[in-house]
Amino acid sequence: MSVVRLADVRDSVVAVVTPRGLADRVNREHELARESAEAAVAHAIRCGELLLEQKAKLRHGEFKPWIAEHCAFSYRSAAVY
């Protein structure tokens, strides 16, 4: 069993979180998650646009090998974009 001396308690900082304070933190994290999701969707859309741009420059049958050679993801992932 550990013993806590009074001096140790006086020198410690104790954080007390009120229900309102916790709710504020929860709401902030929710907002950050929503913003991150919106940014992720925007990046995915732009990735798809760039893939379509490259596909238009290639002849039939060249896109899948181009993905394999130049992208850090599979053709299947590219097709989702």
N, C-alpha and C. Protein backbone atom coordinates (compact mmCIF):
# COMPACT_ATOMS: atom_id res chain seq x y z
N MET A 1 0.84 -1.18 0.00
CA MET A 1 0.00 0.00 0.00
C MET A 1 0.89 1.24 0.00
N SER A 2 0.64 2.17 -0.89
CA SER A 2 1.46 3.37 -0.94
C SER A 2 0.85 4.45 -0.04
N VAL A 3 1.71 5.24 0.50
CA VAL A 3 1.28 6.31 1.40
C VAL A 3 1.51 7.63 0.70
N VAL A 4 0.51 8.47 0.69
CA VAL A 4 0.62 9.79 0.07
C VAL A 4 0.77 10.81 1.18
N ARG A 5 1.86 11.53 1.12
CA ARG A 5 2.07 12.57 2.13
C ARG A 5 1.30 13.82 1.73
N LEU A 6 0.91 14.59 2.70
CA LEU A 6 0.17 15.82 2.47
C LEU A 6 0.95 16.77 1.55
N ALA A 7 2.26 16.83 1.71
CA ALA A 7 3.09 17.70 0.87
C ALA A 7 2.99 17.28 -0.59
N ASP A 8 2.90 15.97 -0.85
CA ASP A 8 2.78 15.49 -2.23
C ASP A 8 1.46 15.95 -2.84
N VAL A 9 0.41 15.94 -2.09
CA VAL A 9 -0.91 16.34 -2.58
C VAL A 9 -0.94 17.84 -2.86
N ARG A 10 -0.37 18.62 -1.97
CA ARG A 10 -0.36 20.08 -2.16
C ARG A 10 0.42 20.49 -3.39
N ASP A 11 1.47 19.75 -3.72
CA ASP A 11 2.32 20.10 -4.85
C ASP A 11 1.78 19.57 -6.18
N SER A 12 0.77 18.74 -6.14
CA SER A 12 0.21 18.15 -7.36
C SER A 12 -0.87 19.05 -7.93
N VAL A 13 -0.99 18.98 -9.23
CA VAL A 13 -2.07 19.70 -9.91
C VAL A 13 -3.14 18.68 -10.22
N VAL A 14 -4.33 18.94 -9.76
CA VAL A 14 -5.44 18.03 -9.99
C VAL A 14 -6.38 18.69 -10.99
N ALA A 15 -6.62 18.00 -12.09
CA ALA A 15 -7.51 18.53 -13.11
C ALA A 15 -8.92 18.03 -12.83
N VAL A 16 -9.82 18.94 -12.68
CA VAL A 16 -11.22 18.60 -12.47
C VAL A 16 -11.96 19.00 -13.74
N VAL A 17 -12.58 18.01 -14.36
CA VAL A 17 -13.30 18.28 -15.60
C VAL A 17 -14.79 18.26 -15.28
N THR A 18 -15.43 19.37 -15.53
CA THR A 18 -16.87 19.47 -15.31
C THR A 18 -17.61 18.80 -16.46
N PRO A 19 -18.85 18.43 -16.27
CA PRO A 19 -19.62 17.86 -17.37
C PRO A 19 -19.65 18.79 -18.59
N ARG A 20 -19.76 20.11 -18.37
CA ARG A 20 -19.76 21.06 -19.49
C ARG A 20 -18.41 21.07 -20.19
N GLY A 21 -17.34 21.03 -19.37
CA GLY A 21 -16.00 21.01 -19.96
C GLY A 21 -15.77 19.77 -20.79
N LEU A 22 -16.25 18.64 -20.30
CA LEU A 22 -16.11 17.40 -21.06
C LEU A 22 -16.94 17.46 -22.33
N ALA A 23 -18.14 18.00 -22.25
CA ALA A 23 -18.99 18.14 -23.44
C ALA A 23 -18.32 19.03 -24.48
N ASP A 24 -17.68 20.09 -24.03
CA ASP A 24 -16.96 20.97 -24.96
C ASP A 24 -15.85 20.21 -25.67
N ARG A 25 -15.13 19.38 -24.93
CA ARG A 25 -14.05 18.59 -25.53
C ARG A 25 -14.59 17.57 -26.52
N VAL A 26 -15.71 16.90 -26.15
CA VAL A 26 -16.34 15.93 -27.04
C VAL A 26 -16.79 16.62 -28.33
N ASN A 27 -17.44 17.78 -28.20
CA ASN A 27 -17.91 18.50 -29.38
C ASN A 27 -16.75 18.95 -30.26
N ARG A 28 -15.65 19.35 -29.67
CA ARG A 28 -14.47 19.77 -30.45
C ARG A 28 -13.89 18.59 -31.23
N GLU A 29 -13.79 17.45 -30.57
CA GLU A 29 -13.27 16.26 -31.26
C GLU A 29 -14.20 15.84 -32.40
N HIS A 30 -15.50 15.95 -32.17
CA HIS A 30 -16.46 15.65 -33.22
C HIS A 30 -16.27 16.58 -34.42
N GLU A 31 -16.10 17.86 -34.15
CA GLU A 31 -15.90 18.83 -35.22
C GLU A 31 -14.61 18.53 -36.00
N LEU A 32 -13.55 18.19 -35.30
CA LEU A 32 -12.28 17.85 -35.96
C LEU A 32 -12.44 16.60 -36.82
N ALA A 33 -13.17 15.61 -36.32
CA ALA A 33 -13.41 14.39 -37.11
C ALA A 33 -14.20 14.71 -38.37
N ARG A 34 -15.22 15.56 -38.24
CA ARG A 34 -16.03 15.94 -39.41
C ARG A 34 -15.18 16.68 -40.44
N GLU A 35 -14.35 17.60 -39.97
CA GLU A 35 -13.49 18.35 -40.88
C GLU A 35 -12.50 17.42 -41.58
N SER A 36 -11.96 16.46 -40.85
CA SER A 36 -11.03 15.51 -41.44
C SER A 36 -11.72 14.66 -42.51
N ALA A 37 -12.95 14.26 -42.23
CA ALA A 37 -13.70 13.46 -43.20
C ALA A 37 -13.96 14.26 -44.47
N GLU A 38 -14.32 15.52 -44.31
CA GLU A 38 -14.55 16.37 -45.48
C GLU A 38 -13.28 16.52 -46.30
N ALA A 39 -12.15 16.70 -45.64
CA ALA A 39 -10.88 16.83 -46.35
C ALA A 39 -10.53 15.52 -47.06
N ALA A 40 -10.80 14.38 -46.41
CA ALA A 40 -10.51 13.08 -47.03
C ALA A 40 -11.32 12.89 -48.31
N VAL A 41 -12.58 13.28 -48.26
CA VAL A 41 -13.43 13.16 -49.45
C VAL A 41 -12.91 14.06 -50.57
N ALA A 42 -12.52 15.26 -50.24
CA ALA A 42 -11.99 16.19 -51.25
C ALA A 42 -10.72 15.63 -51.89
N HIS A 43 -9.85 15.03 -51.08
CA HIS A 43 -8.62 14.44 -51.63
C HIS A 43 -8.93 13.23 -52.51
N ALA A 44 -9.90 12.43 -52.11
CA ALA A 44 -10.29 11.27 -52.91
C ALA A 44 -10.86 11.70 -54.26
N ILE A 45 -11.68 12.73 -54.25
CA ILE A 45 -12.24 13.24 -55.51
C ILE A 45 -11.13 13.74 -56.42
N ARG A 46 -10.19 14.49 -55.86
CA ARG A 46 -9.08 15.01 -56.68
C ARG A 46 -8.23 13.88 -57.22
N CYS A 47 -8.00 12.84 -56.42
CA CYS A 47 -7.24 11.68 -56.88
C CYS A 47 -7.93 11.05 -58.08
N GLY A 48 -9.24 10.89 -57.99
CA GLY A 48 -10.02 10.33 -59.09
C GLY A 48 -9.93 11.17 -60.34
N GLU A 49 -9.99 12.48 -60.18
CA GLU A 49 -9.87 13.38 -61.33
C GLU A 49 -8.51 13.24 -62.00
N LEU A 50 -7.46 13.15 -61.20
CA LEU A 50 -6.12 13.00 -61.76
C LEU A 50 -5.95 11.65 -62.46
N LEU A 51 -6.54 10.61 -61.89
CA LEU A 51 -6.48 9.29 -62.54
C LEU A 51 -7.20 9.32 -63.88
N LEU A 52 -8.37 9.96 -63.92
CA LEU A 52 -9.10 10.06 -65.19
C LEU A 52 -8.31 10.86 -66.23
N GLU A 53 -7.64 11.90 -65.76
CA GLU A 53 -6.81 12.70 -66.65
C GLU A 53 -5.70 11.85 -67.27
N GLN A 54 -5.06 11.04 -66.45
CA GLN A 54 -3.99 10.18 -66.97
C GLN A 54 -4.55 9.09 -67.88
N LYS A 55 -5.66 8.51 -67.49
CA LYS A 55 -6.27 7.45 -68.30
C LYS A 55 -6.60 7.95 -69.71
N ALA A 56 -7.05 9.19 -69.81
CA ALA A 56 -7.41 9.77 -71.11
C ALA A 56 -6.19 9.91 -72.02
N LYS A 57 -5.01 9.97 -71.44
CA LYS A 57 -3.78 10.13 -72.23
C LYS A 57 -3.23 8.80 -72.75
N LEU A 58 -3.76 7.70 -72.23
CA LEU A 58 -3.23 6.39 -72.56
C LEU A 58 -4.12 5.67 -73.57
N ARG A 59 -3.51 4.71 -74.25
CA ARG A 59 -4.28 3.89 -75.17
C ARG A 59 -4.98 2.77 -74.40
N HIS A 60 -5.95 2.14 -75.06
CA HIS A 60 -6.69 1.05 -74.44
C HIS A 60 -5.73 -0.02 -73.91
N GLY A 61 -5.93 -0.42 -72.66
CA GLY A 61 -5.12 -1.47 -72.07
C GLY A 61 -3.86 -1.00 -71.37
N GLU A 62 -3.55 0.28 -71.45
CA GLU A 62 -2.32 0.79 -70.83
C GLU A 62 -2.53 1.33 -69.41
N PHE A 63 -3.77 1.57 -69.03
CA PHE A 63 -4.02 2.20 -67.74
C PHE A 63 -3.67 1.29 -66.56
N LYS A 64 -4.09 0.04 -66.63
CA LYS A 64 -3.82 -0.88 -65.52
C LYS A 64 -2.32 -1.06 -65.30
N PRO A 65 -1.53 -1.28 -66.34
CA PRO A 65 -0.07 -1.36 -66.13
C PRO A 65 0.52 -0.04 -65.61
N TRP A 66 -0.05 1.09 -66.05
CA TRP A 66 0.44 2.38 -65.56
C TRP A 66 0.23 2.49 -64.06
N ILE A 67 -0.95 2.07 -63.59
CA ILE A 67 -1.24 2.08 -62.15
C ILE A 67 -0.22 1.21 -61.42
N ALA A 68 0.00 0.00 -61.91
CA ALA A 68 0.93 -0.94 -61.25
C ALA A 68 2.33 -0.36 -61.15
N GLU A 69 2.75 0.37 -62.16
CA GLU A 69 4.11 0.91 -62.19
C GLU A 69 4.27 2.21 -61.39
N HIS A 70 3.26 3.04 -61.37
CA HIS A 70 3.42 4.39 -60.83
C HIS A 70 2.68 4.70 -59.52
N CYS A 71 1.73 3.86 -59.16
CA CYS A 71 0.91 4.19 -57.98
C CYS A 71 1.22 3.28 -56.80
N ALA A 72 1.04 3.81 -55.61
CA ALA A 72 1.29 3.06 -54.37
C ALA A 72 0.04 2.32 -53.93
N PHE A 73 -0.89 2.08 -54.84
CA PHE A 73 -2.12 1.36 -54.54
C PHE A 73 -2.49 0.55 -55.77
N SER A 74 -3.42 -0.36 -55.59
CA SER A 74 -3.78 -1.29 -56.65
C SER A 74 -4.72 -0.68 -57.69
N TYR A 75 -4.87 -1.38 -58.80
CA TYR A 75 -5.82 -0.98 -59.82
C TYR A 75 -7.24 -0.98 -59.26
N ARG A 76 -7.51 -1.95 -58.39
CA ARG A 76 -8.83 -2.04 -57.77
C ARG A 76 -9.13 -0.78 -56.95
N SER A 77 -8.14 -0.32 -56.20
CA SER A 77 -8.32 0.94 -55.45
C SER A 77 -8.51 2.11 -56.39
N ALA A 78 -7.75 2.13 -57.47
CA ALA A 78 -7.87 3.22 -58.45
C ALA A 78 -9.28 3.24 -59.05
N ALA A 79 -9.83 2.07 -59.28
CA ALA A 79 -11.17 1.99 -59.86
C ALA A 79 -12.24 2.57 -58.92
N VAL A 80 -11.98 2.52 -57.62
CA VAL A 80 -12.93 3.08 -56.66
C VAL A 80 -12.93 4.61 -56.74
N TYR A 81 -11.78 5.19 -57.03
CA TYR A 81 -11.72 6.64 -57.15
C TYR A 81 -12.51 7.10 -58.35
